[in-house]
Protein backbone atom coordinates (compact mmCIF):
# COMPACT_ATOMS: atom_id res chain seq x y z
CA UNK A 1 -66.82 -115.59 249.57
CA UNK A 2 -70.21 -117.27 249.76
CA UNK A 3 -73.82 -116.19 249.72
CA UNK A 4 -76.85 -118.16 250.96
CA UNK A 5 -80.56 -117.37 250.71
CA UNK A 6 -83.08 -118.10 253.45
CA UNK A 7 -85.53 -120.92 252.89
CA UNK A 8 -89.27 -120.72 253.24
CA UNK A 9 -89.27 -122.73 256.47
CA UNK A 10 -90.16 -119.73 258.61
CA UNK A 11 -93.23 -119.08 256.48
CA UNK A 12 -94.41 -122.65 256.96
CA UNK A 13 -93.92 -122.43 260.71
CA UNK A 14 -95.87 -119.18 260.97
CA UNK A 15 -98.78 -120.83 259.23
CA UNK A 16 -98.66 -123.94 261.40
CA UNK A 17 -101.19 -122.77 263.97
CA UNK A 18 -103.67 -121.74 261.28
CA UNK A 19 -103.33 -125.13 259.53
CA UNK A 20 -103.90 -126.98 262.81
CA UNK A 21 -107.03 -124.99 263.64
CA UNK A 22 -108.54 -125.70 260.22
CA UNK A 23 -107.70 -129.40 260.44
CA UNK A 24 -109.25 -129.62 263.90
CA UNK A 25 -112.44 -128.17 262.46
CA UNK A 26 -112.59 -130.23 259.23
CA UNK A 27 -110.89 -133.59 259.98
CA UNK A 28 -112.26 -136.43 262.14
CA UNK A 29 -110.31 -136.59 265.43
CA UNK A 30 -109.24 -140.20 264.74
CA UNK A 31 -107.32 -139.16 261.60
CA UNK A 32 -106.00 -135.83 262.88
CA UNK A 33 -102.58 -137.09 264.18
CA UNK A 34 -101.83 -138.94 260.93
CA UNK A 35 -102.80 -135.98 258.75
CA UNK A 36 -100.70 -133.59 260.85
CA UNK A 37 -97.69 -135.95 260.54
CA UNK A 38 -98.00 -136.03 256.76
CA UNK A 39 -98.21 -132.22 256.59
CA UNK A 40 -95.17 -131.83 258.84
CA UNK A 41 -93.20 -134.22 256.61
CA UNK A 42 -94.19 -132.23 253.53
CA UNK A 43 -93.23 -129.01 255.27
CA UNK A 44 -89.82 -130.46 256.09
CA UNK A 45 -89.22 -131.56 252.53
CA UNK A 46 -90.44 -128.18 251.35
CA UNK A 47 -87.77 -126.48 253.44
CA UNK A 48 -85.12 -128.63 251.82
CA UNK A 49 -86.62 -128.16 248.39
CA UNK A 50 -86.67 -124.37 248.59
CA UNK A 51 -83.29 -123.98 250.24
CA UNK A 52 -80.92 -122.44 247.72
CA UNK A 53 -77.43 -123.76 247.07
CA UNK A 54 -74.28 -122.06 248.26
CA UNK A 55 -72.92 -119.76 245.57
CA UNK A 56 -69.44 -118.50 244.77
CA UNK A 57 -69.71 -114.73 244.57
CA UNK A 58 -66.94 -112.93 242.63
CA UNK A 59 -65.40 -109.85 244.20
CA UNK A 60 -65.62 -107.93 240.93
CA UNK A 61 -68.12 -108.26 238.09
CA UNK A 62 -66.65 -110.50 235.44
CA UNK A 63 -64.27 -112.38 237.76
CA UNK A 64 -64.28 -116.14 237.17
CA UNK A 65 -62.31 -117.15 240.26
CA UNK A 66 -63.29 -116.62 243.91
CA UNK A 67 -60.75 -116.69 246.73
CA UNK A 68 -61.39 -119.31 249.40
CA UNK A 69 -60.66 -117.53 252.69
CA UNK A 70 -62.04 -120.22 255.03
CA UNK A 71 -59.44 -123.02 255.34
CA UNK A 72 -62.18 -125.54 256.14
CA UNK A 73 -63.55 -125.02 252.61
CA UNK A 74 -60.28 -126.03 250.94
CA UNK A 75 -59.90 -129.49 249.38
CA UNK A 76 -57.28 -131.97 250.52
CA UNK A 77 -54.39 -131.37 248.14
CA UNK A 78 -53.73 -135.04 247.45
CA UNK A 79 -51.88 -135.60 244.19
CA UNK A 80 -52.66 -138.89 242.42
CA UNK A 81 -49.90 -138.82 239.80
CA UNK A 82 -46.12 -138.80 239.63
CA UNK A 83 -43.95 -135.98 240.94
CA UNK A 84 -41.75 -136.12 237.85
CA UNK A 85 -44.65 -135.45 235.48
CA UNK A 86 -45.76 -132.46 237.57
CA UNK A 87 -42.26 -130.97 237.66
CA UNK A 88 -41.94 -131.45 233.90
CA UNK A 89 -45.24 -129.68 233.27
CA UNK A 90 -44.32 -126.85 235.65
CA UNK A 91 -41.07 -126.34 233.73
CA UNK A 92 -43.04 -126.10 230.48
CA UNK A 93 -45.21 -123.33 231.94
CA UNK A 94 -42.11 -121.54 233.24
CA UNK A 95 -40.74 -121.61 229.69
CA UNK A 96 -43.96 -119.96 228.55
CA UNK A 97 -43.66 -117.19 231.16
CA UNK A 98 -40.08 -116.53 230.07
CA UNK A 99 -41.27 -115.94 226.49
CA UNK A 100 -44.57 -114.16 227.12
CA UNK A 101 -44.66 -111.30 229.62
CA UNK A 102 -48.34 -110.32 229.40
CA UNK A 103 -51.53 -112.31 228.91
CA UNK A 104 -52.47 -112.22 225.21
CA UNK A 105 -55.84 -113.96 225.59
CA UNK A 106 -57.99 -111.39 227.33
CA UNK A 107 -57.99 -112.82 230.86
CA UNK A 108 -57.82 -110.01 233.42
CA UNK A 109 -58.24 -110.43 237.16
CA UNK A 110 -56.66 -108.57 240.04
CA UNK A 111 -53.41 -110.23 241.15
CA UNK A 112 -53.12 -112.64 238.23
CA UNK A 113 -50.36 -110.85 236.32
CA UNK A 114 -47.87 -112.97 234.40
CA UNK A 115 -45.19 -111.91 236.87
CA UNK A 116 -47.25 -113.11 239.86
CA UNK A 117 -48.17 -116.36 238.13
CA UNK A 118 -44.52 -117.03 237.29
CA UNK A 119 -43.36 -116.21 240.85
CA UNK A 120 -46.10 -118.46 242.27
CA UNK A 121 -45.04 -121.32 240.05
CA UNK A 122 -41.34 -121.00 240.95
CA UNK A 123 -42.15 -120.83 244.66
CA UNK A 124 -44.48 -123.83 244.45
CA UNK A 125 -41.86 -125.90 242.61
CA UNK A 126 -39.22 -125.21 245.25
CA UNK A 127 -41.58 -125.97 248.13
CA UNK A 128 -43.09 -129.05 246.48
CA UNK A 129 -39.63 -130.62 246.19
CA UNK A 130 -39.19 -130.29 249.95
CA UNK A 131 -42.56 -131.87 250.82
CA UNK A 132 -42.40 -135.55 251.72
CA UNK A 133 -46.10 -136.40 251.87
CA UNK A 134 -49.65 -135.08 251.38
CA UNK A 135 -49.80 -133.55 254.86
CA UNK A 136 -46.71 -131.47 254.20
CA UNK A 137 -48.03 -130.38 250.80
CA UNK A 138 -51.29 -129.22 252.39
CA UNK A 139 -49.46 -127.34 255.14
CA UNK A 140 -47.17 -125.68 252.57
CA UNK A 141 -50.11 -124.54 250.42
CA UNK A 142 -52.28 -123.25 253.28
CA UNK A 143 -49.42 -121.20 254.72
CA UNK A 144 -48.04 -119.80 251.49
CA UNK A 145 -50.76 -119.57 248.84
CA UNK A 146 -54.05 -117.88 248.17
CA UNK A 147 -56.44 -120.45 246.70
CA UNK A 148 -59.11 -119.46 244.18
CA UNK A 149 -61.99 -121.67 243.05
CA UNK A 150 -63.47 -121.53 239.56
CA UNK A 151 -67.06 -120.28 239.72
CA UNK A 152 -68.11 -123.12 237.40
CA UNK A 153 -71.69 -123.51 236.29
CA UNK A 154 -74.21 -121.03 237.70
CA UNK A 155 -71.66 -119.86 240.31
CA UNK A 156 -71.94 -123.21 242.12
CA UNK A 157 -68.35 -124.29 241.47
CA UNK A 158 -69.26 -127.29 239.31
CA UNK A 159 -66.84 -127.72 236.39
CA UNK A 160 -67.58 -130.22 233.63
CA UNK A 161 -64.44 -132.28 233.00
CA UNK A 162 -63.79 -134.21 229.79
CA UNK A 163 -60.63 -135.71 228.35
CA UNK A 164 -58.66 -135.51 225.14
CA UNK A 165 -55.62 -137.19 223.66
CA UNK A 166 -53.54 -137.79 220.57
CA UNK A 167 -54.88 -140.59 218.35
CA UNK A 168 -52.71 -142.79 216.14
CA UNK A 169 -54.38 -143.87 212.89
CA UNK A 170 -53.18 -145.79 209.87
CA UNK A 171 -52.94 -143.56 206.81
CA UNK A 172 -51.19 -142.57 203.62
CA UNK A 173 -49.61 -139.48 202.08
CA UNK A 174 -51.42 -140.21 198.80
CA UNK A 175 -55.01 -141.31 198.18
CA UNK A 176 -55.60 -145.05 197.78
CA UNK A 177 -58.61 -147.33 197.71
CA UNK A 178 -58.21 -147.81 201.45
CA UNK A 179 -57.22 -144.29 202.47
CA UNK A 180 -59.56 -141.69 200.98
CA UNK A 181 -60.36 -139.13 203.68
CA UNK A 182 -57.91 -136.21 203.86
CA UNK A 183 -56.69 -133.75 206.45
CA UNK A 184 -56.00 -130.31 204.98
CA UNK A 185 -53.51 -127.54 205.61
CA UNK A 186 -54.47 -123.88 205.95
CA UNK A 187 -55.72 -122.52 202.60
CA UNK A 188 -53.95 -119.51 201.05
CA UNK A 189 -57.19 -117.48 201.07
CA UNK A 190 -57.82 -118.24 204.74
CA UNK A 191 -59.61 -115.68 206.85
CA UNK A 192 -62.10 -115.80 209.70
CA UNK A 193 -64.82 -116.67 209.40
CA UNK A 194 -63.94 -119.08 206.59
CA UNK A 195 -66.49 -121.27 204.82
CA UNK A 196 -68.58 -123.76 206.81
CA UNK A 197 -67.92 -127.47 206.78
CA UNK A 198 -70.78 -128.07 204.34
CA UNK A 199 -69.55 -125.33 201.99
CA UNK A 200 -66.01 -126.68 202.07
CA UNK A 201 -67.12 -130.21 201.23
CA UNK A 202 -69.83 -129.35 198.70
CA UNK A 203 -67.57 -127.03 196.71
CA UNK A 204 -64.36 -129.05 197.19
CA UNK A 205 -62.63 -125.83 198.26
CA UNK A 206 -59.51 -127.46 199.72
CA UNK A 207 -58.44 -129.61 196.77
CA UNK A 208 -54.66 -129.70 196.47
CA UNK A 209 -54.11 -128.85 200.16
CA UNK A 210 -54.13 -132.43 201.45
CA UNK A 211 -51.57 -133.37 204.10
CA UNK A 212 -52.47 -137.06 204.52
CA UNK A 213 -55.34 -139.49 204.00
CA UNK A 214 -57.13 -141.66 206.57
CA UNK A 215 -59.21 -144.81 206.40
CA UNK A 216 -62.52 -143.35 207.54
CA UNK A 217 -64.25 -140.02 207.68
CA UNK A 218 -64.80 -140.53 211.39
CA UNK A 219 -61.05 -141.01 211.96
CA UNK A 220 -60.38 -137.72 210.20
CA UNK A 221 -63.10 -135.96 212.17
CA UNK A 222 -61.77 -137.24 215.51
CA UNK A 223 -58.39 -135.69 214.72
CA UNK A 224 -60.32 -132.46 214.12
CA UNK A 225 -61.82 -132.78 217.60
CA UNK A 226 -58.54 -133.69 219.35
CA UNK A 227 -56.55 -131.03 217.50
CA UNK A 228 -53.55 -133.24 216.75
CA UNK A 229 -52.73 -136.78 215.70
CA UNK A 230 -50.18 -139.27 214.46
CA UNK A 231 -50.56 -141.04 211.15
CA UNK A 232 -48.85 -144.42 210.75
CA UNK A 233 -47.74 -145.06 207.18
CA UNK A 234 -47.35 -148.50 205.58
CA UNK A 235 -43.56 -148.15 205.89
CA UNK A 236 -43.88 -147.83 209.67
CA UNK A 237 -42.97 -144.16 209.60
CA UNK A 238 -45.21 -141.76 211.48
CA UNK A 239 -46.41 -138.37 210.29
CA UNK A 240 -47.28 -135.87 213.01
CA UNK A 241 -49.97 -133.28 212.47
CA UNK A 242 -50.83 -130.39 214.76
CA UNK A 243 -53.53 -127.75 214.94
CA UNK A 244 -53.11 -125.01 212.35
CA UNK A 245 -56.30 -122.94 212.48
CA UNK A 246 -60.07 -123.22 212.64
CA UNK A 247 -62.73 -121.79 210.36
CA UNK A 248 -64.09 -119.47 213.03
CA UNK A 249 -67.57 -120.94 213.19
CA UNK A 250 -69.30 -122.24 216.31
CA UNK A 251 -68.39 -125.76 217.38
CA UNK A 252 -71.28 -128.22 217.70
CA UNK A 253 -70.64 -131.56 219.39
CA UNK A 254 -71.92 -134.57 217.49
CA UNK A 255 -71.94 -136.50 220.76
CA UNK A 256 -74.27 -133.91 222.26
CA UNK A 257 -76.46 -134.14 219.15
CA UNK A 258 -76.75 -137.91 219.57
CA UNK A 259 -77.84 -137.41 223.18
CA UNK A 260 -80.38 -134.73 222.23
CA UNK A 261 -81.78 -137.00 219.51
CA UNK A 262 -82.18 -139.88 221.97
CA UNK A 263 -79.61 -142.07 220.20
CA UNK A 264 -77.26 -142.42 223.20
CA UNK A 265 -78.21 -141.89 226.88
CA UNK A 266 -76.29 -138.96 228.30
CA UNK A 267 -74.78 -140.99 231.14
CA UNK A 268 -73.40 -143.48 228.59
CA UNK A 269 -71.84 -140.96 226.22
CA UNK A 270 -68.15 -141.74 225.74
CA UNK A 271 -65.86 -141.76 222.73
CA UNK A 272 -66.23 -145.56 222.55
CA UNK A 273 -70.03 -145.43 222.48
CA UNK A 274 -69.96 -142.67 219.86
CA UNK A 275 -67.63 -144.68 217.59
CA UNK A 276 -69.72 -147.81 218.11
CA UNK A 277 -72.89 -145.94 217.20
CA UNK A 278 -71.54 -144.69 213.88
CA UNK A 279 -69.99 -148.07 213.09
CA UNK A 280 -73.51 -149.50 213.44
CA UNK A 281 -75.18 -146.58 211.62
CA UNK A 282 -72.63 -145.38 209.03
CA UNK A 283 -75.33 -143.76 206.92
CA UNK A 284 -75.99 -141.18 209.66
CA UNK A 285 -72.41 -139.94 210.00
CA UNK A 286 -72.42 -137.34 207.22
CA UNK A 287 -75.63 -135.69 208.35
CA UNK A 288 -74.28 -135.26 211.88
CA UNK A 289 -70.85 -134.04 210.82
CA UNK A 290 -72.33 -131.39 208.57
CA UNK A 291 -74.23 -129.91 211.50
CA UNK A 292 -70.88 -128.83 212.96
CA UNK A 293 -69.87 -125.77 210.95
CA UNK A 294 -66.41 -125.49 212.48
CA UNK A 295 -63.58 -126.93 210.39
CA UNK A 296 -60.00 -127.54 211.54
CA UNK A 297 -56.89 -127.04 209.40
CA UNK A 298 -53.60 -128.75 210.21
CA UNK A 299 -49.87 -128.46 209.75
CA UNK A 300 -47.16 -131.09 209.67
CA UNK A 301 -44.91 -130.91 212.69
CA UNK A 302 -41.66 -132.67 213.56
CA UNK A 303 -42.49 -133.56 217.16
CA UNK A 304 -44.48 -136.51 218.49
CA UNK A 305 -45.76 -134.82 221.65
CA UNK A 306 -48.37 -132.20 220.77
CA UNK A 307 -48.05 -128.61 221.87
CA UNK A 308 -50.79 -126.74 223.69
CA UNK A 309 -52.18 -123.39 222.66
CA UNK A 310 -49.61 -121.52 224.79
CA UNK A 311 -46.79 -123.09 222.77
CA UNK A 312 -45.45 -125.74 225.18
CA UNK A 313 -45.65 -129.55 225.11
CA UNK A 314 -48.66 -130.99 226.90
CA UNK A 315 -48.10 -133.58 229.64
CA UNK A 316 -50.45 -136.53 230.28
CA UNK A 317 -52.65 -135.98 233.35
CA UNK A 318 -50.94 -132.64 234.00
CA UNK A 319 -52.03 -130.36 231.15
CA UNK A 320 -55.56 -129.04 230.92
CA UNK A 321 -57.37 -127.13 228.20
CA UNK A 322 -59.60 -124.27 229.31
CA UNK A 323 -61.11 -121.09 227.95
CA UNK A 324 -58.15 -118.70 228.10
CA UNK A 325 -60.46 -115.70 228.26
CA UNK A 326 -61.64 -116.80 231.70
CA UNK A 327 -58.66 -118.66 233.24
CA UNK A 328 -54.95 -117.75 233.51
CA UNK A 329 -52.78 -119.24 230.75
CA UNK A 330 -49.86 -121.25 232.12
CA UNK A 331 -51.18 -121.08 235.68
CA UNK A 332 -50.95 -123.77 238.33
CA UNK A 333 -54.26 -125.37 239.27
CA UNK A 334 -55.69 -128.30 241.20
CA UNK A 335 -58.46 -130.54 239.87
CA UNK A 336 -60.85 -132.56 242.01
CA UNK A 337 -62.92 -134.86 239.80
CA UNK A 338 -65.95 -136.74 241.04
CA UNK A 339 -66.31 -140.46 240.37
CA UNK A 340 -68.47 -141.33 237.42
CA UNK A 341 -71.53 -143.01 238.87
CA UNK A 342 -73.22 -144.25 235.72
CA UNK A 343 -70.58 -146.54 234.25
CA UNK A 344 -68.83 -149.00 236.53
CA UNK A 345 -66.23 -149.77 233.85
CA UNK A 346 -64.75 -146.29 233.69
CA UNK A 347 -60.99 -146.84 233.42
CA UNK A 348 -60.03 -143.43 234.83
CA UNK A 349 -60.22 -145.05 238.27
CA UNK A 350 -58.23 -148.14 239.14
CA UNK A 351 -60.25 -151.26 239.84
CA UNK A 352 -61.79 -151.15 243.29
CA UNK A 353 -61.50 -147.36 243.77
CA UNK A 354 -64.24 -146.11 241.44
CA UNK A 355 -66.18 -144.60 244.34
CA UNK A 356 -63.49 -142.08 245.26
CA UNK A 357 -62.51 -138.72 243.84
CA UNK A 358 -59.43 -138.21 241.72
CA UNK A 359 -57.34 -135.15 242.52
CA UNK A 360 -54.14 -133.82 240.99
CA UNK A 361 -52.18 -130.67 240.22
CA UNK A 362 -52.47 -129.41 236.64
CA UNK A 363 -51.08 -126.64 234.45
CA UNK A 364 -53.38 -124.56 232.26
CA UNK A 365 -51.60 -125.00 228.90
CA UNK A 366 -54.15 -125.58 226.16
CA UNK A 367 -57.57 -124.66 224.82
CA UNK A 368 -60.21 -126.20 222.56
CA UNK A 369 -63.22 -125.44 220.40
CA UNK A 370 -65.69 -126.94 222.88
CA UNK A 371 -63.90 -125.71 226.00
CA UNK A 372 -65.55 -122.40 226.75
CA UNK A 373 -66.87 -120.65 229.88
CA UNK A 374 -65.60 -121.18 233.47
CA UNK A 375 -67.65 -124.39 233.68
CA UNK A 376 -65.43 -126.48 231.34
CA UNK A 377 -62.02 -128.13 231.47
CA UNK A 378 -60.39 -130.81 229.31
CA UNK A 379 -57.66 -133.11 230.71
CA UNK A 380 -54.90 -134.34 228.38
CA UNK A 381 -54.43 -138.13 228.67
CA UNK A 382 -51.57 -138.84 226.26
CA UNK A 383 -50.90 -140.62 222.97
CA UNK A 384 -52.35 -143.82 221.52
CA UNK A 385 -55.35 -146.10 221.83
CA UNK A 386 -55.36 -146.54 225.61
CA UNK A 387 -55.01 -142.81 226.23
CA UNK A 388 -57.81 -142.11 223.77
CA UNK A 389 -60.05 -144.72 225.40
CA UNK A 390 -59.53 -143.26 228.87
CA UNK A 391 -59.86 -139.68 227.64
CA UNK A 392 -63.08 -140.50 225.83
CA UNK A 393 -64.50 -142.01 229.01
CA UNK A 394 -64.05 -138.91 231.15
CA UNK A 395 -67.36 -137.08 231.26
CA UNK A 396 -68.22 -135.90 234.75
CA UNK A 397 -68.08 -132.94 237.13
CA UNK A 398 -65.62 -131.66 239.68
CA UNK A 399 -63.94 -128.55 241.05
CA UNK A 400 -61.00 -126.50 239.84
CA UNK A 401 -58.70 -124.32 241.97
CA UNK A 402 -55.92 -121.87 241.05
CA UNK A 403 -53.01 -120.63 243.17
CA UNK A 404 -51.24 -117.32 243.83
CA UNK A 405 -48.31 -116.91 246.21
CA UNK A 406 -49.23 -114.82 249.26
């Protein structure tokens, strides 16, 4: 499962006698003990500095999950959210497996057939209902499941977790002085790659395809990023829009651009700080938006809860978006998310517990433009302002594990 490389400590030790002999020759005897102490300290730090990190080594080239065979390396399977929400999300994935009998996304790894994933999910659901506490859940998993960890970044198991949600914005079905920024449906000449964002806007290519209008260009763009949204009309009625298609161009994060340009410190980047920045510097918004070539097209839907990319409703704090080429669609997983150290006000943790990890079972039910490689995962937080605030504040690292029944 793991591989470690030797440090350079042995080399330093072999040279110790030579160093001492030279110091004895060149350094005044009074200072010799102090100089030797300093060198030994540097040698010790050098050993730590050159020691390489433990790596997750896949069994086969191209595998993105590594089986954890040592029980002492498993996390504590403590679930921080409600049983009902987990059971609901499991049932949604089971609906997916009933409809789809083979993985259509390109993920291939030994043992992770749709049949095995479905059987694992059914068995977990039955056993989970019998478990009365965390200890029983852990015992049930260790005895009955193979646990696989995502290789993460550089095979070190570190997965970058962010959050997403469904915003609710005021809007209109027709353009007004207040609502001037449209969302568009899929054009009749659509193909991939379609035109870039700049080409679409400069040439007004989507005129006549408007679904609804929003108050600000940033509001419209944030629905592009989230992939769905609710639009509150003056009458009180809500219009629901869902992801239709994307232009096929590479996604570029405007938040990342602000960090790279020194506008927002990386540790302070959240949705709230991004919105605040553009509210204070509205003249910069267009130039940043146009650097992201990817454009999202929408469709009106008749359901308030958005659906993930596998065609099932997403569940707050239970559904995750991942790259479906590297992780199993619909599969059961377990997320362990590190506390965010930089911002004490992060609302993902309850007051007084910000120094502890969050951990919870999740279902792999969605994907996203920015969620690519085995080092990324996006947690769905729900609908509305509070969910968006909390989702926009999640920007930290953790670990991700998947399960197969033994």
